[in-house]
Amino acid sequence: MSGIKTIFKKELADHFSSYRFVILFAVIAMVSLIMAYMAGLNMKKDLESVAKPQFVFLMLFTTSGAMFSLVQFVAFFGPLIGLILGFDTINRERNEGTLSRLLSQPIYRDAVINGKFLAGVFIIAIMMVSIVLVITGLGLNIVGVIPGIEEFWRIFIYLLISIIYISFWLGVAMLFSILFRSVATSALAALALWIFFSFFVSLGANVVASALTPDASESNPEAIIQRARISQAIALISPMELYTDSTATIIDPMRKTTRSYSHMRMGLMEQLSISRFSGPLSLGQSVLIVLPYMISLVAITLICFAISYAVFMRQEIRSL
């Protein structure tokens, strides 16, 4: 345990003193500030002539700013945080010769990888908490709405899911850093996997669903629904789909399922109008809906780290 604590402190010191962390944190803070400000202005303009609905504070996280909402931004660009933090975790020290010197100390090899992963998760948590605090502060200032207890809990669960989601990509980056000696190769492999899950899985799901339901048309609504279900089932192999569906349901109490196709096409005013005729889900009901997705994210994160752990522990010390 003392070895993990030592590595954990060392990695935190390396992260906080590196230009990479400073630049990455500055970019994320700047983008979050712009998104929160634009989303707050859009909400304030839309809510001027109507009564403020329930859970209006949560709309800060789902209302689009300049281009993205917070949920969309973290879903698409969040993996890059994990990849940047972990793509050279092992092979950089291996190439510099510091890893063999580190393992010559009274520190077990499992403490090295455990400490590095925990330090990366801690950095991810700091970044996500900072983003949420920025949006919360600007929301209070611009919109003038104080969040309720249930909204706080929904934001906390959203924050927890986001940390797990980005930690999965940290584990992926660490795995490639262990498998490949070259830093450039591990970075390219991690980016290739991110591109595959971000773009090609959804495109492939639509192609397969269209091929399996060729009779889907406006005159055959059952076939259209069947195509949507097939496309969703295939797309769920992507961590991005798991994250997007679960966080959208947690942040938006009006969503009754993880995939509400009509709801995704509505603007803010349409959502406000329909909310007057349908009650929101309670926090417990929303959690039950997204619980399988949350368990899946935790499972793939643990599996990815377990593979990294097993590969790292089986490598020859002289090859490190």
C-alpha atoms as a PDB file:
ATOM      1  CA  MET A   1       0.000   0.000   0.000  1.00  0.00           C
ATOM      2  CA  SER A   2       2.862   2.369   0.753  1.00  0.00           C
ATOM      3  CA  GLY A   3       4.286   1.680  -2.715  1.00  0.00           C
ATOM      4  CA  ILE A   4       0.998   2.665  -4.376  1.00  0.00           C
ATOM      5  CA  LYS A   5       0.912   5.852  -2.296  1.00  0.00           C
ATOM      6  CA  THR A   6       4.460   6.708  -3.341  1.00  0.00           C
ATOM      7  CA  ILE A   7       3.777   6.173  -7.039  1.00  0.00           C
ATOM      8  CA  PHE A   8       0.483   8.045  -6.716  1.00  0.00           C
ATOM      9  CA  LYS A   9       2.209  11.121  -5.262  1.00  0.00           C
ATOM     10  CA  LYS A  10       4.996  10.922  -7.847  1.00  0.00           C
ATOM     11  CA  GLU A  11       2.521  10.785 -10.748  1.00  0.00           C
ATOM     12  CA  LEU A  12       0.479  13.673  -9.375  1.00  0.00           C
ATOM     13  CA  ALA A  13       3.633  15.758  -9.057  1.00  0.00           C
ATOM     14  CA  ASP A  14       4.590  14.883 -12.645  1.00  0.00           C
ATOM     15  CA  HIS A  15       1.135  15.798 -13.950  1.00  0.00           C
ATOM     16  CA  PHE A  16       0.845  19.087 -12.086  1.00  0.00           C
ATOM     17  CA  SER A  17       4.339  20.174 -13.125  1.00  0.00           C
ATOM     18  CA  SER A  18       3.983  19.231 -16.819  1.00  0.00           C
ATOM     19  CA  TYR A  19       3.103  21.663 -19.597  1.00  0.00           C
ATOM     20  CA  ARG A  20       0.802  19.018 -21.041  1.00  0.00           C
ATOM     21  CA  PHE A  21      -1.482  19.145 -18.026  1.00  0.00           C
ATOM     22  CA  VAL A  22      -1.453  22.959 -17.900  1.00  0.00           C
ATOM     23  CA  ILE A  23      -2.342  23.274 -21.591  1.00  0.00           C
ATOM     24  CA  LEU A  24      -4.986  20.544 -21.434  1.00  0.00           C
ATOM     25  CA  PHE A  25      -6.605  21.997 -18.329  1.00  0.00           C
ATOM     26  CA  ALA A  26      -6.547  25.518 -19.786  1.00  0.00           C
ATOM     27  CA  VAL A  27      -8.208  24.386 -23.017  1.00  0.00           C
ATOM     28  CA  ILE A  28     -10.903  22.438 -21.172  1.00  0.00           C
ATOM     29  CA  ALA A  29     -11.604  25.343 -18.811  1.00  0.00           C
ATOM     30  CA  MET A  30     -11.830  27.806 -21.688  1.00  0.00           C
ATOM     31  CA  VAL A  31     -14.162  25.630 -23.764  1.00  0.00           C
ATOM     32  CA  SER A  32     -16.334  24.898 -20.723  1.00  0.00           C
ATOM     33  CA  LEU A  33     -16.563  28.593 -19.923  1.00  0.00           C
ATOM     34  CA  ILE A  34     -17.636  29.457 -23.470  1.00  0.00           C
ATOM     35  CA  MET A  35     -20.173  26.616 -23.633  1.00  0.00           C
ATOM     36  CA  ALA A  36     -21.682  27.487 -20.265  1.00  0.00           C
ATOM     37  CA  TYR A  37     -21.919  31.181 -21.127  1.00  0.00           C
ATOM     38  CA  MET A  38     -23.567  30.574 -24.504  1.00  0.00           C
ATOM     39  CA  ALA A  39     -25.953  27.967 -23.083  1.00  0.00           C
ATOM     40  CA  GLY A  40     -26.910  30.314 -20.251  1.00  0.00           C
ATOM     41  CA  LEU A  41     -27.634  33.159 -22.668  1.00  0.00           C
ATOM     42  CA  ASN A  42     -29.734  30.898 -24.895  1.00  0.00           C
ATOM     43  CA  MET A  43     -31.719  29.632 -21.918  1.00  0.00           C
ATOM     44  CA  LYS A  44     -32.249  33.115 -20.511  1.00  0.00           C
ATOM     45  CA  LYS A  45     -33.584  34.307 -23.853  1.00  0.00           C
ATOM     46  CA  ASP A  46     -35.914  31.306 -24.276  1.00  0.00           C
ATOM     47  CA  LEU A  47     -37.260  31.538 -20.720  1.00  0.00           C
ATOM     48  CA  GLU A  48     -38.020  35.256 -20.737  1.00  0.00           C
ATOM     49  CA  SER A  49     -41.627  34.888 -21.903  1.00  0.00           C
ATOM     50  CA  VAL A  50     -42.528  31.619 -20.150  1.00  0.00           C
ATOM     51  CA  ALA A  51     -42.723  30.382 -16.588  1.00  0.00           C
ATOM     52  CA  LYS A  52     -39.571  28.597 -15.505  1.00  0.00           C
ATOM     53  CA  PRO A  53     -40.193  24.839 -15.573  1.00  0.00           C
ATOM     54  CA  GLN A  54     -39.056  22.259 -13.074  1.00  0.00           C
ATOM     55  CA  PHE A  55     -35.407  21.144 -13.274  1.00  0.00           C
ATOM     56  CA  VAL A  56     -34.492  24.172 -15.378  1.00  0.00           C
ATOM     57  CA  PHE A  57     -30.977  24.166 -13.891  1.00  0.00           C
ATOM     58  CA  LEU A  58     -30.245  20.789 -15.498  1.00  0.00           C
ATOM     59  CA  MET A  59     -30.897  22.312 -18.907  1.00  0.00           C
ATOM     60  CA  LEU A  60     -27.543  24.062 -18.593  1.00  0.00           C
ATOM     61  CA  PHE A  61     -25.934  20.672 -19.214  1.00  0.00           C
ATOM     62  CA  THR A  62     -28.131  19.698 -22.184  1.00  0.00           C
ATOM     63  CA  THR A  63     -28.669  23.060 -23.914  1.00  0.00           C
ATOM     64  CA  SER A  64     -26.268  23.607 -26.798  1.00  0.00           C
ATOM     65  CA  GLY A  65     -23.895  26.522 -26.524  1.00  0.00           C
ATOM     66  CA  ALA A  66     -21.842  27.594 -29.513  1.00  0.00           C
ATOM     67  CA  MET A  67     -21.753  24.065 -30.955  1.00  0.00           C
ATOM     68  CA  PHE A  68     -22.109  21.421 -28.226  1.00  0.00           C
ATOM     69  CA  SER A  69     -23.848  20.901 -24.943  1.00  0.00           C
ATOM     70  CA  LEU A  70     -21.758  19.719 -22.005  1.00  0.00           C
ATOM     71  CA  VAL A  71     -23.037  16.148 -22.348  1.00  0.00           C
ATOM     72  CA  GLN A  72     -22.121  16.093 -26.049  1.00  0.00           C
ATOM     73  CA  PHE A  73     -18.743  17.731 -25.443  1.00  0.00           C
ATOM     74  CA  VAL A  74     -17.651  15.244 -22.778  1.00  0.00           C
ATOM     75  CA  ALA A  75     -18.985  12.291 -24.778  1.00  0.00           C
ATOM     76  CA  PHE A  76     -16.963  13.219 -27.855  1.00  0.00           C
ATOM     77  CA  PHE A  77     -13.845  14.962 -26.496  1.00  0.00           C
ATOM     78  CA  GLY A  78     -13.684  13.401 -23.025  1.00  0.00           C
ATOM     79  CA  PRO A  79     -11.858  10.298 -24.290  1.00  0.00           C
ATOM     80  CA  LEU A  80      -9.037  12.525 -25.517  1.00  0.00           C
ATOM     81  CA  ILE A  81      -8.379  13.546 -21.907  1.00  0.00           C
ATOM     82  CA  GLY A  82      -7.850   9.918 -20.899  1.00  0.00           C
ATOM     83  CA  LEU A  83      -5.785   9.159 -23.999  1.00  0.00           C
ATOM     84  CA  ILE A  84      -3.522  12.188 -23.528  1.00  0.00           C
ATOM     85  CA  LEU A  85      -2.945  11.352 -19.880  1.00  0.00           C
ATOM     86  CA  GLY A  86      -2.098   7.705 -20.470  1.00  0.00           C
ATOM     87  CA  PHE A  87      -0.627   7.076 -23.923  1.00  0.00           C
ATOM     88  CA  ASP A  88       2.998   7.321 -22.671  1.00  0.00           C
ATOM     89  CA  THR A  89       2.538   6.257 -19.057  1.00  0.00           C
ATOM     90  CA  ILE A  90       4.761   3.172 -19.270  1.00  0.00           C
ATOM     91  CA  ASN A  91       6.747   3.294 -22.510  1.00  0.00           C
ATOM     92  CA  ARG A  92       8.090   6.811 -21.844  1.00  0.00           C
ATOM     93  CA  GLU A  93       9.690   5.691 -18.602  1.00  0.00           C
ATOM     94  CA  ARG A  94      10.795   2.463 -20.280  1.00  0.00           C
ATOM     95  CA  ASN A  95      12.575   4.384 -23.062  1.00  0.00           C
ATOM     96  CA  GLU A  96      14.151   6.832 -20.612  1.00  0.00           C
ATOM     97  CA  GLY A  97      15.350   3.992 -18.392  1.00  0.00           C
ATOM     98  CA  THR A  98      13.594   5.296 -15.285  1.00  0.00           C
ATOM     99  CA  LEU A  99      11.184   2.369 -15.049  1.00  0.00           C
ATOM    100  CA  SER A 100      13.915  -0.209 -14.412  1.00  0.00           C
ATOM    101  CA  ARG A 101      15.454   2.054 -11.779  1.00  0.00           C
ATOM    102  CA  LEU A 102      12.040   2.503 -10.193  1.00  0.00           C
ATOM    103  CA  LEU A 103      11.474  -1.251 -10.033  1.00  0.00           C
ATOM    104  CA  SER A 104      14.906  -1.739  -8.453  1.00  0.00           C
ATOM    105  CA  GLN A 105      13.582   0.109  -5.403  1.00  0.00           C
ATOM    106  CA  PRO A 106      11.527  -1.679  -2.721  1.00  0.00           C
ATOM    107  CA  ILE A 107       8.357  -1.085  -4.766  1.00  0.00           C
ATOM    108  CA  TYR A 108       6.309  -3.918  -6.187  1.00  0.00           C
ATOM    109  CA  ARG A 109       5.473  -3.900  -9.868  1.00  0.00           C
ATOM    110  CA  ASP A 110       1.728  -3.917  -9.242  1.00  0.00           C
ATOM    111  CA  ALA A 111       2.122  -0.750  -7.165  1.00  0.00           C
ATOM    112  CA  VAL A 112       3.541   1.006 -10.232  1.00  0.00           C
ATOM    113  CA  ILE A 113       0.597   0.396 -12.527  1.00  0.00           C
ATOM    114  CA  ASN A 114      -1.988   0.777  -9.753  1.00  0.00           C
ATOM    115  CA  GLY A 115      -0.499   4.088  -8.636  1.00  0.00           C
ATOM    116  CA  LYS A 116      -0.291   5.427 -12.176  1.00  0.00           C
ATOM    117  CA  PHE A 117      -3.896   4.508 -12.940  1.00  0.00           C
ATOM    118  CA  LEU A 118      -5.223   5.977  -9.678  1.00  0.00           C
ATOM    119  CA  ALA A 119      -3.288   9.196 -10.270  1.00  0.00           C
ATOM    120  CA  GLY A 120      -4.787   9.471 -13.749  1.00  0.00           C
ATOM    121  CA  VAL A 121      -8.298   8.905 -12.388  1.00  0.00           C
ATOM    122  CA  PHE A 122      -7.688  11.597  -9.767  1.00  0.00           C
ATOM    123  CA  ILE A 123      -6.601  14.081 -12.454  1.00  0.00           C
ATOM    124  CA  ILE A 124      -9.705  13.230 -14.507  1.00  0.00           C
ATOM    125  CA  ALA A 125     -11.889  13.808 -11.454  1.00  0.00           C
ATOM    126  CA  ILE A 126     -10.293  17.221 -10.881  1.00  0.00           C
ATOM    127  CA  MET A 127     -10.953  18.248 -14.477  1.00  0.00           C
ATOM    128  CA  MET A 128     -14.570  17.067 -14.490  1.00  0.00           C
ATOM    129  CA  VAL A 129     -15.358  18.683 -11.145  1.00  0.00           C
ATOM    130  CA  SER A 130     -13.860  21.919 -12.446  1.00  0.00           C
ATOM    131  CA  ILE A 131     -16.046  21.802 -15.575  1.00  0.00           C
ATOM    132  CA  VAL A 132     -19.199  21.181 -13.536  1.00  0.00           C
ATOM    133  CA  LEU A 133     -18.338  23.954 -11.075  1.00  0.00           C
ATOM    134  CA  VAL A 134     -17.743  26.420 -13.922  1.00  0.00           C
ATOM    135  CA  ILE A 135     -21.113  25.632 -15.488  1.00  0.00           C
ATOM    136  CA  THR A 136     -22.848  25.724 -12.112  1.00  0.00           C
ATOM    137  CA  GLY A 137     -21.381  29.106 -11.213  1.00  0.00           C
ATOM    138  CA  LEU A 138     -22.198  30.694 -14.546  1.00  0.00           C
ATOM    139  CA  GLY A 139     -25.665  29.174 -14.461  1.00  0.00           C
ATOM    140  CA  LEU A 140     -26.361  30.734 -11.087  1.00  0.00           C
ATOM    141  CA  ASN A 141     -25.107  34.085 -12.334  1.00  0.00           C
ATOM    142  CA  ILE A 142     -26.776  34.187 -15.766  1.00  0.00           C
ATOM    143  CA  VAL A 143     -29.994  32.209 -15.365  1.00  0.00           C
ATOM    144  CA  GLY A 144     -30.506  33.035 -11.699  1.00  0.00           C
ATOM    145  CA  VAL A 145     -31.864  29.593 -10.764  1.00  0.00           C
ATOM    146  CA  ILE A 146     -30.776  27.730  -7.649  1.00  0.00           C
ATOM    147  CA  PRO A 147     -30.587  23.950  -8.151  1.00  0.00           C
ATOM    148  CA  GLY A 148     -32.622  21.693  -5.888  1.00  0.00           C
ATOM    149  CA  ILE A 149     -31.491  18.650  -3.944  1.00  0.00           C
ATOM    150  CA  GLU A 150     -32.532  16.200  -6.672  1.00  0.00           C
ATOM    151  CA  GLU A 151     -30.719  18.267  -9.289  1.00  0.00           C
ATOM    152  CA  PHE A 152     -27.554  18.142  -7.172  1.00  0.00           C
ATOM    153  CA  TRP A 153     -27.818  14.351  -6.964  1.00  0.00           C
ATOM    154  CA  ARG A 154     -28.382  14.063 -10.713  1.00  0.00           C
ATOM    155  CA  ILE A 155     -25.338  16.216 -11.383  1.00  0.00           C
ATOM    156  CA  PHE A 156     -23.299  14.104  -8.949  1.00  0.00           C
ATOM    157  CA  ILE A 157     -24.318  10.870 -10.720  1.00  0.00           C
ATOM    158  CA  TYR A 158     -23.544  12.470 -14.073  1.00  0.00           C
ATOM    159  CA  LEU A 159     -20.124  13.438 -12.753  1.00  0.00           C
ATOM    160  CA  LEU A 160     -19.504   9.893 -11.520  1.00  0.00           C
ATOM    161  CA  ILE A 161     -20.460   8.350 -14.873  1.00  0.00           C
ATOM    162  CA  SER A 162     -18.235  10.832 -16.708  1.00  0.00           C
ATOM    163  CA  ILE A 163     -15.217   9.983 -14.557  1.00  0.00           C
ATOM    164  CA  ILE A 164     -15.743   6.263 -15.168  1.00  0.00           C
ATOM    165  CA  TYR A 165     -16.159   6.844 -18.901  1.00  0.00           C
ATOM    166  CA  ILE A 166     -12.944   8.852 -19.261  1.00  0.00           C
ATOM    167  CA  SER A 167     -11.123   6.402 -16.965  1.00  0.00           C
ATOM    168  CA  PHE A 168     -11.937   3.649 -19.461  1.00  0.00           C
ATOM    169  CA  TRP A 169     -10.033   5.547 -22.131  1.00  0.00           C
ATOM    170  CA  LEU A 170      -7.209   6.111 -19.673  1.00  0.00           C
ATOM    171  CA  GLY A 171      -7.044   2.331 -19.250  1.00  0.00           C
ATOM    172  CA  VAL A 172      -7.026   1.877 -23.040  1.00  0.00           C
ATOM    173  CA  ALA A 173      -4.153   4.333 -23.397  1.00  0.00           C
ATOM    174  CA  MET A 174      -2.204   2.615 -20.617  1.00  0.00           C
ATOM    175  CA  LEU A 175      -2.732  -0.763 -22.287  1.00  0.00           C
ATOM    176  CA  PHE A 176      -1.258   0.461 -25.567  1.00  0.00           C
ATOM    177  CA  SER A 177       1.547   2.137 -23.639  1.00  0.00           C
ATOM    178  CA  ILE A 178       2.417  -1.265 -22.175  1.00  0.00           C
ATOM    179  CA  LEU A 179       2.034  -3.178 -25.442  1.00  0.00           C
ATOM    180  CA  PHE A 180       4.083  -0.827 -27.637  1.00  0.00           C
ATOM    181  CA  ARG A 181       7.546   0.452 -26.872  1.00  0.00           C
ATOM    182  CA  SER A 182       7.154   3.415 -29.226  1.00  0.00           C
ATOM    183  CA  VAL A 183       5.247   6.397 -27.807  1.00  0.00           C
ATOM    184  CA  ALA A 184       4.023   7.414 -31.267  1.00  0.00           C
ATOM    185  CA  THR A 185       2.689   3.926 -31.977  1.00  0.00           C
ATOM    186  CA  SER A 186       0.760   3.751 -28.701  1.00  0.00           C
ATOM    187  CA  ALA A 187      -0.731   7.212 -29.336  1.00  0.00           C
ATOM    188  CA  LEU A 188      -1.809   6.304 -32.876  1.00  0.00           C
ATOM    189  CA  ALA A 189      -3.314   3.000 -31.735  1.00  0.00           C
ATOM    190  CA  ALA A 190      -5.321   4.732 -29.002  1.00  0.00           C
ATOM    191  CA  LEU A 191      -6.555   7.410 -31.418  1.00  0.00           C
ATOM    192  CA  ALA A 192      -7.502   4.762 -33.967  1.00  0.00           C
ATOM    193  CA  LEU A 193      -9.633   2.954 -31.409  1.00  0.00           C
ATOM    194  CA  TRP A 194     -11.293   6.238 -30.391  1.00  0.00           C
ATOM    195  CA  ILE A 195     -12.089   7.056 -34.021  1.00  0.00           C
ATOM    196  CA  PHE A 196     -13.490   3.562 -34.563  1.00  0.00           C
ATOM    197  CA  PHE A 197     -15.868   3.755 -31.594  1.00  0.00           C
ATOM    198  CA  SER A 198     -16.770   7.401 -32.247  1.00  0.00           C
ATOM    199  CA  PHE A 199     -17.593   7.217 -35.953  1.00  0.00           C
ATOM    200  CA  PHE A 200     -17.493   3.793 -37.547  1.00  0.00           C
ATOM    201  CA  VAL A 201     -19.585   1.910 -34.984  1.00  0.00           C
ATOM    202  CA  SER A 202     -22.585   4.211 -35.445  1.00  0.00           C
ATOM    203  CA  LEU A 203     -22.181   4.189 -39.218  1.00  0.00           C
ATOM    204  CA  GLY A 204     -21.879   0.412 -39.257  1.00  0.00           C
ATOM    205  CA  ALA A 205     -24.931   0.062 -37.032  1.00  0.00           C
ATOM    206  CA  ASN A 206     -27.019   2.100 -39.475  1.00  0.00           C
ATOM    207  CA  VAL A 207     -25.750   0.106 -42.451  1.00  0.00           C
ATOM    208  CA  VAL A 208     -26.462  -3.255 -40.815  1.00  0.00           C
ATOM    209  CA  ALA A 209     -29.890  -2.122 -39.596  1.00  0.00           C
ATOM    210  CA  SER A 210     -30.800  -0.886 -43.092  1.00  0.00           C
ATOM    211  CA  ALA A 211     -29.672  -4.164 -44.639  1.00  0.00           C
ATOM    212  CA  LEU A 212     -31.734  -6.220 -42.176  1.00  0.00           C
ATOM    213  CA  THR A 213     -34.886  -4.099 -42.603  1.00  0.00           C
ATOM    214  CA  PRO A 214     -35.097  -3.217 -46.314  1.00  0.00           C
ATOM    215  CA  ASP A 215     -38.867  -2.739 -46.135  1.00  0.00           C
ATOM    216  CA  ALA A 216     -38.694   0.126 -43.625  1.00  0.00           C
ATOM    217  CA  SER A 217     -40.642   3.117 -44.956  1.00  0.00           C
ATOM    218  CA  GLU A 218     -43.236   5.649 -43.853  1.00  0.00           C
ATOM    219  CA  SER A 219     -45.975   3.189 -44.785  1.00  0.00           C
ATOM    220  CA  ASN A 220     -44.429   0.538 -42.515  1.00  0.00           C
ATOM    221  CA  PRO A 221     -43.807   2.129 -39.105  1.00  0.00           C
ATOM    222  CA  GLU A 222     -43.153  -1.224 -37.421  1.00  0.00           C
ATOM    223  CA  ALA A 223     -40.184  -1.806 -39.719  1.00  0.00           C
ATOM    224  CA  ILE A 224     -38.857   1.663 -38.915  1.00  0.00           C
ATOM    225  CA  ILE A 225     -39.050   0.913 -35.190  1.00  0.00           C
ATOM    226  CA  GLN A 226     -37.363  -2.440 -35.762  1.00  0.00           C
ATOM    227  CA  ARG A 227     -34.560  -0.747 -37.713  1.00  0.00           C
ATOM    228  CA  ALA A 228     -34.051   1.750 -34.889  1.00  0.00           C
ATOM    229  CA  ARG A 229     -33.875  -1.042 -32.319  1.00  0.00           C
ATOM    230  CA  ILE A 230     -31.321  -3.001 -34.343  1.00  0.00           C
ATOM    231  CA  SER A 231     -29.215   0.102 -34.887  1.00  0.00           C
ATOM    232  CA  GLN A 232     -29.327   0.911 -31.170  1.00  0.00           C
ATOM    233  CA  ALA A 233     -28.396  -2.629 -30.135  1.00  0.00           C
ATOM    234  CA  ILE A 234     -25.343  -2.640 -32.406  1.00  0.00           C
ATOM    235  CA  ALA A 235     -24.300   0.890 -31.447  1.00  0.00           C
ATOM    236  CA  LEU A 236     -24.252  -0.056 -27.759  1.00  0.00           C
ATOM    237  CA  ILE A 237     -20.936  -1.846 -28.249  1.00  0.00           C
ATOM    238  CA  SER A 238     -19.438   1.654 -28.289  1.00  0.00           C
ATOM    239  CA  PRO A 239     -18.602   3.169 -24.881  1.00  0.00           C
ATOM    240  CA  MET A 240     -19.643   6.536 -26.293  1.00  0.00           C
ATOM    241  CA  GLU A 241     -23.193   5.286 -26.868  1.00  0.00           C
ATOM    242  CA  LEU A 242     -23.340   3.835 -23.358  1.00  0.00           C
ATOM    243  CA  TYR A 243     -22.178   7.117 -21.902  1.00  0.00           C
ATOM    244  CA  THR A 244     -24.403   9.354 -24.044  1.00  0.00           C
ATOM    245  CA  ASP A 245     -27.567   7.363 -23.377  1.00  0.00           C
ATOM    246  CA  SER A 246     -26.990   7.046 -19.637  1.00  0.00           C
ATOM    247  CA  THR A 247     -25.998  10.658 -18.979  1.00  0.00           C
ATOM    248  CA  ALA A 248     -28.788  12.094 -21.141  1.00  0.00           C
ATOM    249  CA  THR A 249     -31.330  10.112 -19.126  1.00  0.00           C
ATOM    250  CA  ILE A 250     -29.847  11.150 -15.784  1.00  0.00           C
ATOM    251  CA  ILE A 251     -29.569  14.838 -16.656  1.00  0.00           C
ATOM    252  CA  ASP A 252     -32.985  15.049 -18.342  1.00  0.00           C
ATOM    253  CA  PRO A 253     -35.783  13.776 -16.009  1.00  0.00           C
ATOM    254  CA  MET A 254     -38.305  14.053 -18.868  1.00  0.00           C
ATOM    255  CA  ARG A 255     -36.672  11.200 -20.751  1.00  0.00           C
ATOM    256  CA  LYS A 256     -38.552   7.995 -20.058  1.00  0.00           C
ATOM    257  CA  THR A 257     -36.036   5.725 -21.795  1.00  0.00           C
ATOM    258  CA  THR A 258     -32.363   5.853 -22.701  1.00  0.00           C
ATOM    259  CA  ARG A 259     -33.308   6.361 -26.347  1.00  0.00           C
ATOM    260  CA  SER A 260     -36.186   8.751 -26.954  1.00  0.00           C
ATOM    261  CA  TYR A 261     -35.986   9.448 -30.696  1.00  0.00           C
ATOM    262  CA  SER A 262     -38.691  12.071 -30.760  1.00  0.00           C
ATOM    263  CA  HIS A 263     -37.207  13.810 -27.725  1.00  0.00           C
ATOM    264  CA  MET A 264     -33.794  14.083 -29.365  1.00  0.00           C
ATOM    265  CA  ARG A 265     -35.341  16.049 -32.233  1.00  0.00           C
ATOM    266  CA  MET A 266     -37.089  18.585 -29.981  1.00  0.00           C
ATOM    267  CA  GLY A 267     -35.834  22.051 -29.267  1.00  0.00           C
ATOM    268  CA  LEU A 268     -35.919  23.730 -25.881  1.00  0.00           C
ATOM    269  CA  MET A 269     -39.380  25.274 -26.304  1.00  0.00           C
ATOM    270  CA  GLU A 270     -40.887  21.966 -27.474  1.00  0.00           C
ATOM    271  CA  GLN A 271     -39.417  20.225 -24.438  1.00  0.00           C
ATOM    272  CA  LEU A 272     -40.885  22.881 -22.149  1.00  0.00           C
ATOM    273  CA  SER A 273     -44.294  22.509 -23.774  1.00  0.00           C
ATOM    274  CA  ILE A 274     -44.445  18.740 -23.517  1.00  0.00           C
ATOM    275  CA  SER A 275     -43.157  18.838 -19.928  1.00  0.00           C
ATOM    276  CA  ARG A 276     -46.427  20.474 -18.889  1.00  0.00           C
ATOM    277  CA  PHE A 277     -48.351  17.369 -19.964  1.00  0.00           C
ATOM    278  CA  SER A 278     -46.025  14.643 -18.708  1.00  0.00           C
ATOM    279  CA  GLY A 279     -44.439  14.336 -15.309  1.00  0.00           C
ATOM    280  CA  PRO A 280     -40.684  13.866 -14.845  1.00  0.00           C
ATOM    281  CA  LEU A 281     -39.169  10.633 -13.652  1.00  0.00           C
ATOM    282  CA  SER A 282     -37.931  10.448 -10.100  1.00  0.00           C
ATOM    283  CA  LEU A 283     -34.226  10.098  -9.465  1.00  0.00           C
ATOM    284  CA  GLY A 284     -34.633   6.458  -8.453  1.00  0.00           C
ATOM    285  CA  GLN A 285     -36.493   5.608 -11.657  1.00  0.00           C
ATOM    286  CA  SER A 286     -33.863   7.323 -13.810  1.00  0.00           C
ATOM    287  CA  VAL A 287     -31.097   5.440 -12.013  1.00  0.00           C
ATOM    288  CA  LEU A 288     -32.870   2.113 -12.574  1.00  0.00           C
ATOM    289  CA  ILE A 289     -33.119   2.866 -16.299  1.00  0.00           C
ATOM    290  CA  VAL A 290     -29.426   3.689 -16.705  1.00  0.00           C
ATOM    291  CA  LEU A 291     -28.088   1.149 -14.186  1.00  0.00           C
ATOM    292  CA  PRO A 292     -27.269  -1.477 -16.869  1.00  0.00           C
ATOM    293  CA  TYR A 293     -25.333   1.148 -18.805  1.00  0.00           C
ATOM    294  CA  MET A 294     -23.440   2.261 -15.708  1.00  0.00           C
ATOM    295  CA  ILE A 295     -22.575  -1.342 -14.844  1.00  0.00           C
ATOM    296  CA  SER A 296     -21.380  -1.897 -18.420  1.00  0.00           C
ATOM    297  CA  LEU A 297     -19.099   1.148 -18.255  1.00  0.00           C
ATOM    298  CA  VAL A 298     -17.648   0.009 -14.933  1.00  0.00           C
ATOM    299  CA  ALA A 299     -17.178  -3.517 -16.291  1.00  0.00           C
ATOM    300  CA  ILE A 300     -15.323  -2.527 -19.465  1.00  0.00           C
ATOM    301  CA  THR A 301     -13.153  -0.121 -17.468  1.00  0.00           C
ATOM    302  CA  LEU A 302     -12.176  -2.837 -14.994  1.00  0.00           C
ATOM    303  CA  ILE A 303     -11.627  -5.368 -17.796  1.00  0.00           C
ATOM    304  CA  CYS A 304      -9.386  -2.971 -19.701  1.00  0.00           C
ATOM    305  CA  PHE A 305      -7.335  -2.206 -16.594  1.00  0.00           C
ATOM    306  CA  ALA A 306      -7.171  -5.895 -15.677  1.00  0.00           C
ATOM    307  CA  ILE A 307      -5.722  -6.703 -19.103  1.00  0.00           C
ATOM    308  CA  SER A 308      -3.176  -3.908 -18.699  1.00  0.00           C
ATOM    309  CA  TYR A 309      -2.317  -5.200 -15.221  1.00  0.00           C
ATOM    310  CA  ALA A 310      -1.875  -8.785 -16.421  1.00  0.00           C
ATOM    311  CA  VAL A 311       0.302  -7.814 -19.404  1.00  0.00           C
ATOM    312  CA  PHE A 312       2.471  -5.503 -17.318  1.00  0.00           C
ATOM    313  CA  MET A 313       2.981  -8.106 -14.580  1.00  0.00           C
ATOM    314  CA  ARG A 314       3.982 -10.799 -17.121  1.00  0.00           C
ATOM    315  CA  GLN A 315       6.580  -8.696 -18.896  1.00  0.00           C
ATOM    316  CA  GLU A 316      10.208  -9.497 -18.223  1.00  0.00           C
ATOM    317  CA  ILE A 317      11.885  -6.999 -15.947  1.00  0.00           C
ATOM    318  CA  ARG A 318      14.906  -6.789 -18.248  1.00  0.00           C
ATOM    319  CA  SER A 319      12.607  -5.838 -21.148  1.00  0.00           C
ATOM    320  CA  LEU A 320      11.266  -2.899 -19.125  1.00  0.00           C
END
